[in-house]
Amino acid sequence: MYSIHHFFLQIFHLVTYICDQKFSEVLDGHWLINIDGTYSIRKITKLPKGMIKITTTENSFECAFSDIEVVACIRSTIVSN
């Protein structure tokens, strides 16, 4: 069971993300991450040897998991018109 204290809303343009800051493991999926002080929603895919693939609609790249800060798991997405 989740506590409401671990959830928050993150709004980017017309999209609202319901985020969960309590997670035990980073699995493949969408996450709120911090890369060099810039926060964004990205798709993460785990790769062998501590590497991950970070994907957006425009590009993707591979880096070490330790190169980023994972802030929250995206639990739901709401798109407004």
C-alpha atoms as a PDB file:
ATOM      1  CA  MET A   1       0.000   0.000   0.000  1.00  0.00           C
ATOM      2  CA  TYR A   2       1.277   3.457  -0.901  1.00  0.00           C
ATOM      3  CA  SER A   3       1.273   6.523   1.294  1.00  0.00           C
ATOM      4  CA  ILE A   4      -0.029   9.690  -0.341  1.00  0.00           C
ATOM      5  CA  HIS A   5       3.031  11.506   1.039  1.00  0.00           C
ATOM      6  CA  HIS A   6       5.245   9.868  -1.581  1.00  0.00           C
ATOM      7  CA  PHE A   7       3.168  11.041  -4.558  1.00  0.00           C
ATOM      8  CA  PHE A   8       3.246  14.405  -6.310  1.00  0.00           C
ATOM      9  CA  LEU A   9       2.194  15.995  -9.609  1.00  0.00           C
ATOM     10  CA  GLN A  10       4.690  17.219 -12.190  1.00  0.00           C
ATOM     11  CA  ILE A  11       3.297  19.361 -15.011  1.00  0.00           C
ATOM     12  CA  PHE A  12       5.111  19.859 -18.333  1.00  0.00           C
ATOM     13  CA  HIS A  13       3.183  21.892 -20.889  1.00  0.00           C
ATOM     14  CA  LEU A  14      -0.201  20.130 -21.336  1.00  0.00           C
ATOM     15  CA  VAL A  15       0.845  16.858 -19.680  1.00  0.00           C
ATOM     16  CA  THR A  16       0.467  16.091 -15.965  1.00  0.00           C
ATOM     17  CA  TYR A  17       2.468  13.220 -14.478  1.00  0.00           C
ATOM     18  CA  ILE A  18       1.572  11.465 -11.239  1.00  0.00           C
ATOM     19  CA  CYS A  19       4.944  10.647  -9.705  1.00  0.00           C
ATOM     20  CA  ASP A  20       5.928   8.288  -6.889  1.00  0.00           C
ATOM     21  CA  GLN A  21       9.093   9.075  -4.940  1.00  0.00           C
ATOM     22  CA  LYS A  22       9.036   5.774  -3.075  1.00  0.00           C
ATOM     23  CA  PHE A  23      10.500   2.927  -5.108  1.00  0.00           C
ATOM     24  CA  SER A  24      12.859   0.097  -4.268  1.00  0.00           C
ATOM     25  CA  GLU A  25      14.325  -0.570  -7.703  1.00  0.00           C
ATOM     26  CA  VAL A  26      14.581   1.235 -11.020  1.00  0.00           C
ATOM     27  CA  LEU A  27      13.008  -0.938 -13.690  1.00  0.00           C
ATOM     28  CA  ASP A  28      12.356  -0.254 -17.367  1.00  0.00           C
ATOM     29  CA  GLY A  29       9.778   2.510 -17.738  1.00  0.00           C
ATOM     30  CA  HIS A  30       9.237   6.249 -17.468  1.00  0.00           C
ATOM     31  CA  TRP A  31      10.972   8.191 -14.698  1.00  0.00           C
ATOM     32  CA  LEU A  32      11.549  11.739 -13.525  1.00  0.00           C
ATOM     33  CA  ILE A  33      15.332  12.099 -13.620  1.00  0.00           C
ATOM     34  CA  ASN A  34      17.971  14.739 -13.017  1.00  0.00           C
ATOM     35  CA  ILE A  35      20.824  15.025 -15.510  1.00  0.00           C
ATOM     36  CA  ASP A  36      23.357  17.699 -14.582  1.00  0.00           C
ATOM     37  CA  GLY A  37      20.729  19.803 -12.778  1.00  0.00           C
ATOM     38  CA  THR A  38      18.055  19.512 -15.473  1.00  0.00           C
ATOM     39  CA  TYR A  39      14.894  17.585 -14.571  1.00  0.00           C
ATOM     40  CA  SER A  40      12.934  15.729 -17.245  1.00  0.00           C
ATOM     41  CA  ILE A  41      10.678  12.754 -17.867  1.00  0.00           C
ATOM     42  CA  ARG A  42      12.528  10.047 -19.750  1.00  0.00           C
ATOM     43  CA  LYS A  43      12.129   6.386 -20.609  1.00  0.00           C
ATOM     44  CA  ILE A  44      14.844   4.270 -18.990  1.00  0.00           C
ATOM     45  CA  THR A  45      15.896   0.829 -20.203  1.00  0.00           C
ATOM     46  CA  LYS A  46      18.380  -1.137 -18.089  1.00  0.00           C
ATOM     47  CA  LEU A  47      21.352  -2.591 -19.928  1.00  0.00           C
ATOM     48  CA  PRO A  48      24.096  -4.979 -18.773  1.00  0.00           C
ATOM     49  CA  LYS A  49      27.095  -3.836 -16.687  1.00  0.00           C
ATOM     50  CA  GLY A  50      25.370  -0.939 -14.904  1.00  0.00           C
ATOM     51  CA  MET A  51      24.487   0.900 -18.095  1.00  0.00           C
ATOM     52  CA  ILE A  52      21.112   2.346 -19.070  1.00  0.00           C
ATOM     53  CA  LYS A  53      19.532   3.660 -22.253  1.00  0.00           C
ATOM     54  CA  ILE A  54      17.679   6.959 -21.888  1.00  0.00           C
ATOM     55  CA  THR A  55      15.067   7.673 -24.548  1.00  0.00           C
ATOM     56  CA  THR A  56      12.902  10.636 -25.541  1.00  0.00           C
ATOM     57  CA  THR A  57      10.673  11.055 -28.575  1.00  0.00           C
ATOM     58  CA  GLU A  58      13.545  12.834 -30.318  1.00  0.00           C
ATOM     59  CA  ASN A  59      16.702  10.947 -29.348  1.00  0.00           C
ATOM     60  CA  SER A  60      18.347   8.379 -27.107  1.00  0.00           C
ATOM     61  CA  PHE A  61      21.723   7.759 -25.533  1.00  0.00           C
ATOM     62  CA  GLU A  62      23.470   5.301 -23.237  1.00  0.00           C
ATOM     63  CA  CYS A  63      25.228   6.177 -19.993  1.00  0.00           C
ATOM     64  CA  ALA A  64      26.163   4.669 -16.648  1.00  0.00           C
ATOM     65  CA  PHE A  65      23.318   4.481 -14.135  1.00  0.00           C
ATOM     66  CA  SER A  66      25.491   6.459 -11.730  1.00  0.00           C
ATOM     67  CA  ASP A  67      25.562   9.401 -14.179  1.00  0.00           C
ATOM     68  CA  ILE A  68      21.937  10.343 -13.396  1.00  0.00           C
ATOM     69  CA  GLU A  69      19.734  10.896 -10.362  1.00  0.00           C
ATOM     70  CA  VAL A  70      16.405   9.083 -10.408  1.00  0.00           C
ATOM     71  CA  VAL A  71      13.859  11.281  -8.621  1.00  0.00           C
ATOM     72  CA  ALA A  72      10.514   9.509  -9.062  1.00  0.00           C
ATOM     73  CA  CYS A  73       8.661   6.804 -10.952  1.00  0.00           C
ATOM     74  CA  ILE A  74       5.894   7.940 -13.308  1.00  0.00           C
ATOM     75  CA  ARG A  75       2.725   6.107 -12.223  1.00  0.00           C
ATOM     76  CA  SER A  76       0.214   7.816 -14.527  1.00  0.00           C
ATOM     77  CA  THR A  77       0.060  10.406 -17.305  1.00  0.00           C
ATOM     78  CA  ILE A  78      -2.812  12.832 -17.969  1.00  0.00           C
ATOM     79  CA  VAL A  79      -2.854  14.713 -21.292  1.00  0.00           C
ATOM     80  CA  SER A  80      -4.925  17.919 -21.484  1.00  0.00           C
ATOM     81  CA  ASN A  81      -6.308  19.479 -24.646  1.00  0.00           C
END
